[in-house]
N, C-alpha and C. Protein backbone atom coordinates (compact mmCIF):
# COMPACT_ATOMS: atom_id res chain seq x y z
N MET A 1 1.49 18.73 -12.92
CA MET A 1 0.24 17.85 -13.50
C MET A 1 -0.55 18.19 -12.67
N ALA A 2 -1.78 18.54 -13.20
CA ALA A 2 -3.07 19.02 -12.30
C ALA A 2 -4.06 17.59 -11.72
N ARG A 3 -4.25 17.46 -10.39
CA ARG A 3 -4.83 16.27 -10.10
C ARG A 3 -6.36 16.54 -10.30
N ALA A 4 -6.90 15.21 -10.72
CA ALA A 4 -8.27 15.29 -11.22
C ALA A 4 -9.19 15.23 -9.88
N ALA A 5 -10.63 16.02 -10.31
CA ALA A 5 -11.38 16.00 -9.32
C ALA A 5 -11.61 15.09 -8.91
N THR A 6 -12.20 14.80 -7.65
CA THR A 6 -12.71 13.76 -6.74
C THR A 6 -13.99 12.96 -7.52
N THR A 7 -14.63 13.97 -8.30
CA THR A 7 -15.76 13.76 -8.70
C THR A 7 -15.84 13.26 -10.16
N THR A 8 -15.05 12.99 -10.60
CA THR A 8 -14.54 12.56 -11.94
C THR A 8 -14.77 10.89 -12.35
N ASP A 9 -14.30 10.20 -11.65
CA ASP A 9 -14.61 8.83 -11.62
C ASP A 9 -14.28 8.07 -10.41
N ALA A 10 -14.83 6.96 -10.27
CA ALA A 10 -14.64 5.93 -9.01
C ALA A 10 -13.14 6.02 -8.43
N PHE A 11 -11.94 5.91 -9.38
CA PHE A 11 -10.70 5.94 -8.91
C PHE A 11 -10.58 7.03 -7.99
N ASN A 12 -10.70 8.30 -8.21
CA ASN A 12 -10.67 9.29 -7.52
C ASN A 12 -11.48 9.47 -6.10
N ALA A 13 -12.69 9.18 -6.53
CA ALA A 13 -13.45 9.09 -5.37
C ALA A 13 -13.49 8.18 -4.10
N VAL A 14 -12.97 6.84 -4.58
CA VAL A 14 -12.14 5.99 -3.78
C VAL A 14 -10.78 6.28 -3.38
N ALA A 15 -10.09 7.18 -3.45
CA ALA A 15 -8.93 7.62 -3.05
C ALA A 15 -8.75 8.16 -1.65
N GLU A 16 -9.88 8.61 -1.19
CA GLU A 16 -10.19 8.96 -0.07
C GLU A 16 -10.75 7.56 0.75
N PRO A 17 -9.90 7.52 2.19
CA PRO A 17 -9.96 6.40 3.07
C PRO A 17 -11.67 6.52 3.77
N ARG A 18 -12.18 7.60 4.02
CA ARG A 18 -13.58 7.34 4.64
C ARG A 18 -14.60 7.18 3.71
N ARG A 19 -14.50 7.50 2.08
CA ARG A 19 -15.35 7.07 1.45
C ARG A 19 -15.32 5.57 1.15
N ARG A 20 -14.14 4.85 1.30
CA ARG A 20 -14.09 3.69 1.20
C ARG A 20 -14.70 3.22 2.57
N GLN A 21 -14.97 3.77 3.60
CA GLN A 21 -15.38 3.15 4.78
C GLN A 21 -17.09 3.01 4.67
N ILE A 22 -17.38 4.62 3.93
CA ILE A 22 -18.98 4.19 3.67
C ILE A 22 -19.33 3.19 2.91
N LEU A 23 -18.52 3.02 1.75
CA LEU A 23 -19.01 1.50 0.81
C LEU A 23 -18.68 0.42 1.41
N ASP A 24 -17.99 0.31 2.22
CA ASP A 24 -17.90 -0.94 3.37
C ASP A 24 -19.13 -0.98 4.21
N VAL A 25 -19.81 0.07 4.70
CA VAL A 25 -20.99 -0.40 5.46
C VAL A 25 -21.97 -0.40 4.23
N LEU A 26 -21.87 0.35 3.39
CA LEU A 26 -23.24 0.30 2.55
C LEU A 26 -23.21 -1.50 2.13
N THR A 27 -22.15 -2.10 1.67
CA THR A 27 -22.18 -3.40 1.41
C THR A 27 -23.16 -4.40 2.26
N ASP A 28 -23.55 -4.09 3.06
CA ASP A 28 -24.49 -4.78 4.13
C ASP A 28 -26.00 -4.16 3.71
N GLY A 29 -26.17 -3.47 2.96
CA GLY A 29 -27.19 -2.95 2.42
C GLY A 29 -27.76 -1.49 2.64
N GLU A 30 -28.83 -0.88 2.28
CA GLU A 30 -29.10 0.59 2.63
C GLU A 30 -29.03 0.85 3.98
N ARG A 31 -28.69 2.42 4.27
CA ARG A 31 -28.39 2.77 5.47
C ARG A 31 -28.90 4.31 5.24
N PRO A 32 -29.56 4.47 6.37
CA PRO A 32 -29.74 6.26 6.35
C PRO A 32 -28.69 6.83 6.94
N VAL A 33 -28.57 8.18 6.46
CA VAL A 33 -27.20 8.76 6.78
C VAL A 33 -26.84 8.94 8.31
N ASN A 34 -28.13 8.78 9.18
CA ASN A 34 -27.50 8.98 10.73
C ASN A 34 -26.63 7.28 10.95
N ASP A 35 -27.24 6.30 10.65
CA ASP A 35 -26.54 5.23 10.73
C ASP A 35 -24.87 5.52 10.23
N LEU A 36 -24.73 5.92 9.27
CA LEU A 36 -23.64 6.01 8.70
C LEU A 36 -22.59 6.92 9.49
N VAL A 37 -23.36 7.69 10.04
CA VAL A 37 -22.46 8.92 11.02
C VAL A 37 -21.86 7.98 12.17
N LYS A 38 -23.23 7.14 12.72
CA LYS A 38 -22.83 6.03 13.89
C LYS A 38 -21.49 5.50 13.54
N ALA A 39 -21.76 4.89 12.31
CA ALA A 39 -20.81 3.64 12.01
C ALA A 39 -19.20 4.26 11.74
N LEU A 40 -19.26 5.38 11.23
CA LEU A 40 -17.84 6.17 11.37
C LEU A 40 -17.45 6.78 12.24
N GLY A 41 -18.22 7.38 13.09
CA GLY A 41 -17.81 8.50 14.03
C GLY A 41 -17.44 9.56 13.59
N LEU A 42 -18.02 10.03 12.53
CA LEU A 42 -17.90 11.20 12.02
C LEU A 42 -19.16 12.33 12.17
N ALA A 43 -19.16 13.69 11.94
CA ALA A 43 -20.14 14.46 11.89
C ALA A 43 -20.73 14.23 10.77
N GLN A 44 -22.29 14.52 11.22
CA GLN A 44 -23.15 14.42 9.74
C GLN A 44 -22.79 15.32 8.55
N PRO A 45 -22.18 16.30 8.71
CA PRO A 45 -22.10 17.18 7.43
C PRO A 45 -20.88 16.53 6.79
N GLN A 46 -19.76 15.98 7.37
CA GLN A 46 -18.80 15.40 6.90
C GLN A 46 -19.40 14.00 6.04
N VAL A 47 -20.02 13.30 6.62
CA VAL A 47 -20.46 12.13 6.15
C VAL A 47 -21.45 12.45 4.64
N SER A 48 -22.08 13.58 4.82
CA SER A 48 -23.09 14.13 4.01
C SER A 48 -22.22 14.68 2.38
N LYS A 49 -21.15 15.29 2.96
CA LYS A 49 -20.08 15.39 2.01
C LYS A 49 -19.56 14.50 1.23
N HIS A 50 -19.07 13.37 1.61
CA HIS A 50 -18.40 12.12 1.32
C HIS A 50 -19.39 11.45 0.29
N LEU A 51 -21.01 11.31 1.03
CA LEU A 51 -21.76 10.96 0.13
C LEU A 51 -22.20 11.78 -0.88
N ARG A 52 -21.95 12.72 -1.22
CA ARG A 52 -22.23 13.65 -2.30
C ARG A 52 -21.13 13.32 -3.50
N VAL A 53 -20.23 13.01 -2.95
CA VAL A 53 -18.87 12.74 -3.96
C VAL A 53 -19.04 11.37 -4.45
N LEU A 54 -19.52 10.50 -3.90
CA LEU A 54 -20.07 9.16 -4.10
C LEU A 54 -21.12 8.86 -4.92
N ARG A 55 -22.17 9.64 -4.76
CA ARG A 55 -23.36 9.85 -5.92
C ARG A 55 -23.01 10.51 -6.80
N GLU A 56 -22.07 11.36 -7.06
CA GLU A 56 -21.80 12.16 -8.24
C GLU A 56 -20.96 11.19 -9.15
N VAL A 57 -20.36 10.30 -8.46
CA VAL A 57 -19.44 9.30 -9.66
C VAL A 57 -20.41 7.84 -9.98
N GLY A 58 -21.63 7.87 -9.26
CA GLY A 58 -22.57 6.58 -9.20
C GLY A 58 -22.23 5.56 -8.47
N LEU A 59 -21.37 5.82 -7.17
CA LEU A 59 -20.98 4.46 -6.71
C LEU A 59 -22.28 4.20 -5.51
N VAL A 60 -22.80 5.48 -5.05
CA VAL A 60 -24.10 5.37 -4.07
C VAL A 60 -24.96 6.10 -4.78
N GLU A 61 -26.28 5.36 -4.29
CA GLU A 61 -27.30 5.78 -5.24
C GLU A 61 -28.31 6.08 -3.91
N VAL A 62 -29.73 6.88 -3.97
CA VAL A 62 -30.22 7.40 -2.63
C VAL A 62 -31.86 7.17 -3.18
N ARG A 63 -32.37 6.80 -2.24
CA ARG A 63 -34.17 6.84 -2.40
C ARG A 63 -34.53 7.52 -1.10
N GLU A 64 -35.62 8.09 -1.52
CA GLU A 64 -36.66 8.81 -0.34
C GLU A 64 -37.40 7.36 0.05
N ASP A 65 -37.58 7.75 1.63
CA ASP A 65 -38.39 6.92 2.13
C ASP A 65 -39.26 7.46 3.30
N GLY A 66 -40.46 8.51 2.61
CA GLY A 66 -40.79 9.04 3.86
C GLY A 66 -40.06 10.37 3.91
N ARG A 67 -39.39 10.71 5.04
CA ARG A 67 -38.60 11.84 5.34
C ARG A 67 -37.31 11.47 5.60
N ARG A 68 -37.11 10.15 5.35
CA ARG A 68 -35.55 9.57 5.17
C ARG A 68 -34.70 9.28 4.19
N ARG A 69 -33.73 9.64 3.99
CA ARG A 69 -33.07 9.40 2.57
C ARG A 69 -32.32 7.99 2.84
N LEU A 70 -32.31 6.73 2.03
CA LEU A 70 -31.59 5.79 2.30
C LEU A 70 -30.66 5.59 0.94
N TYR A 71 -29.47 5.49 1.37
CA TYR A 71 -28.41 5.21 0.80
C TYR A 71 -27.78 3.77 0.38
N ARG A 72 -27.34 3.59 -1.17
CA ARG A 72 -27.27 2.13 -1.40
C ARG A 72 -25.99 2.25 -2.09
N LEU A 73 -25.28 1.09 -1.93
CA LEU A 73 -24.02 0.80 -2.95
C LEU A 73 -24.60 0.48 -4.40
N ASN A 74 -23.65 1.07 -5.30
CA ASN A 74 -24.39 0.84 -6.82
C ASN A 74 -22.56 0.30 -7.28
N GLY A 75 -22.46 -1.04 -7.35
CA GLY A 75 -21.19 -1.61 -7.61
C GLY A 75 -20.73 -1.27 -9.01
N HIS A 76 -21.63 -0.99 -10.06
CA HIS A 76 -21.51 -0.88 -11.47
C HIS A 76 -19.99 0.09 -11.64
N PRO A 77 -19.81 1.03 -10.82
CA PRO A 77 -18.70 2.04 -11.29
C PRO A 77 -17.21 1.43 -10.54
N LEU A 78 -17.57 0.34 -9.72
CA LEU A 78 -16.44 -0.21 -9.27
C LEU A 78 -15.77 -1.28 -10.68
N LYS A 79 -16.39 -1.91 -11.40
CA LYS A 79 -15.99 -2.64 -12.56
C LYS A 79 -14.68 -2.05 -12.94
N ASP A 80 -14.70 -0.94 -13.21
CA ASP A 80 -13.13 -0.13 -13.99
C ASP A 80 -12.28 -0.43 -12.91
N ILE A 81 -12.29 0.17 -11.66
CA ILE A 81 -11.08 -0.68 -10.65
C ILE A 81 -11.16 -2.08 -10.68
N HIS A 82 -11.79 -2.91 -10.71
CA HIS A 82 -11.85 -4.08 -10.48
C HIS A 82 -10.81 -4.68 -11.81
N ASP A 83 -11.30 -4.22 -13.23
CA ASP A 83 -10.89 -4.59 -14.37
C ASP A 83 -9.13 -4.28 -14.51
N TRP A 84 -9.00 -2.94 -13.90
CA TRP A 84 -7.67 -2.56 -13.94
C TRP A 84 -6.97 -3.25 -12.45
N LEU A 85 -7.21 -3.75 -11.76
CA LEU A 85 -6.74 -4.66 -10.59
C LEU A 85 -6.23 -5.88 -11.08
N LYS A 86 -7.45 -6.40 -11.91
CA LYS A 86 -7.24 -7.77 -12.62
C LYS A 86 -5.72 -7.87 -13.39
N GLY A 87 -5.47 -6.99 -14.05
CA GLY A 87 -4.32 -7.05 -15.03
C GLY A 87 -3.13 -7.39 -13.82
N TYR A 88 -3.19 -6.98 -12.54
CA TYR A 88 -2.11 -7.31 -11.72
C TYR A 88 -1.85 -8.64 -11.16
N GLU A 89 -3.40 -8.98 -11.07
CA GLU A 89 -3.45 -10.28 -10.63
C GLU A 89 -2.54 -11.42 -10.74
N ARG A 90 -2.46 -11.49 -11.87
CA ARG A 90 -1.34 -12.64 -12.63
C ARG A 90 -0.24 -12.57 -12.00
N SER A 91 0.19 -11.21 -11.98
CA SER A 91 1.73 -11.19 -11.59
C SER A 91 1.62 -11.33 -10.10
N TRP A 92 0.77 -11.02 -9.07
CA TRP A 92 0.84 -11.30 -7.68
C TRP A 92 1.13 -12.93 -7.61
N GLU A 93 -0.04 -13.50 -8.57
CA GLU A 93 -0.04 -14.71 -8.14
C GLU A 93 1.06 -15.51 -8.59
N GLU A 94 2.03 -15.18 -9.75
CA GLU A 94 3.35 -15.42 -10.22
C GLU A 94 4.28 -15.29 -8.88
N ARG A 95 4.15 -14.29 -8.24
CA ARG A 95 5.20 -14.26 -7.26
C ARG A 95 4.74 -14.82 -5.94
N PHE A 96 3.53 -15.05 -5.61
CA PHE A 96 3.32 -15.78 -4.54
C PHE A 96 3.20 -17.13 -4.63
N GLU A 97 3.61 -17.79 -5.63
CA GLU A 97 3.76 -19.00 -6.06
C GLU A 97 5.17 -19.13 -6.10
N ALA A 98 6.08 -18.05 -6.58
CA ALA A 98 7.51 -18.40 -6.69
C ALA A 98 7.89 -18.12 -4.83
N LEU A 99 7.46 -17.28 -4.44
CA LEU A 99 7.47 -17.32 -2.76
C LEU A 99 7.10 -18.81 -1.90
N GLU A 100 5.94 -19.27 -2.26
CA GLU A 100 5.46 -20.61 -1.81
C GLU A 100 6.53 -21.71 -2.20
N ASP A 101 7.66 -21.60 -3.18
CA ASP A 101 8.12 -22.55 -3.81
C ASP A 101 9.63 -22.30 -2.98
N VAL A 102 10.06 -21.20 -2.80
CA VAL A 102 10.94 -20.68 -1.62
C VAL A 102 10.96 -21.40 -0.33
N LEU A 103 9.63 -21.18 0.07
CA LEU A 103 9.27 -21.46 1.38
C LEU A 103 9.52 -22.84 1.73
N GLU A 104 8.91 -23.52 0.36
CA GLU A 104 8.82 -24.90 0.65
C GLU A 104 10.48 -25.67 0.60
N ASP A 105 11.30 -24.97 -0.34
CA ASP A 105 12.59 -25.31 -0.37
C ASP A 105 13.19 -25.23 1.16
N LEU A 106 12.97 -24.12 1.70
CA LEU A 106 13.58 -24.00 3.00
C LEU A 106 13.24 -24.99 3.79
N LYS A 107 11.84 -25.09 3.85
CA LYS A 107 11.08 -26.00 4.79
C LYS A 107 11.83 -27.46 4.51
N GLY A 108 11.92 -27.66 3.43
CA GLY A 108 12.83 -29.20 3.04
C GLY A 108 14.29 -29.37 3.54
N LYS A 109 14.80 -28.07 3.16
CA LYS A 109 16.42 -28.33 3.87
C LYS A 109 16.45 -27.95 5.63
N GLU A 110 15.44 -27.51 5.92
CA GLU A 110 15.08 -27.20 7.74
C GLU A 110 14.95 -28.78 7.84
N GLN A 111 14.02 -29.49 7.31
CA GLN A 111 13.71 -30.88 7.62
C GLN A 111 14.89 -31.80 7.61
N GLY A 112 15.51 -31.64 6.26
CA GLY A 112 16.88 -32.48 6.07
C GLY A 112 18.04 -32.21 7.32
N ASP A 113 17.84 -31.00 7.76
CA ASP A 113 19.05 -30.95 8.76
C ASP A 113 18.56 -31.50 10.10
N GLU A 114 17.19 -31.73 10.32
CA GLU A 114 16.86 -32.23 11.40
C GLU A 114 17.51 -33.93 11.48
N PHE A 115 17.50 -34.45 10.26
CA PHE A 115 17.59 -36.02 10.05
C PHE A 115 19.29 -35.97 10.19
N ASP A 116 19.80 -35.03 9.55
CA ASP A 116 21.39 -34.97 9.65
C ASP A 116 22.02 -34.98 11.22
N ASP A 117 21.10 -34.50 12.11
CA ASP A 117 21.68 -34.38 13.52
C ASP A 117 21.56 -35.75 14.19
N GLU A 118 20.69 -36.41 13.63
CA GLU A 118 20.14 -37.70 14.37
C GLU A 118 21.43 -38.82 14.31
């Protein structure tokens, strides 16, 4: 099965860890590319390449400010990812609750053993 292009949707675009790092940095607000370069420790061409992909799927927007280009996060395309993950949230919650019950049982037994020794 052929792999989907990274520019087809947000799922594919955020599959790359560096792109997720860019999004993380942009959660604090608009940043010029040089700030992103410094924050990520990557070469400017690499950051620009990742920004292009993020722009193509709509996760990042750019605006001109004189000679600078400022990049900002557009969270709307992340909604599809959020909605998909939401389906798993119920399962995770059930498993964590079951784990909590087991831990409480073990803790109760451990405390019971302490009283048996007295």
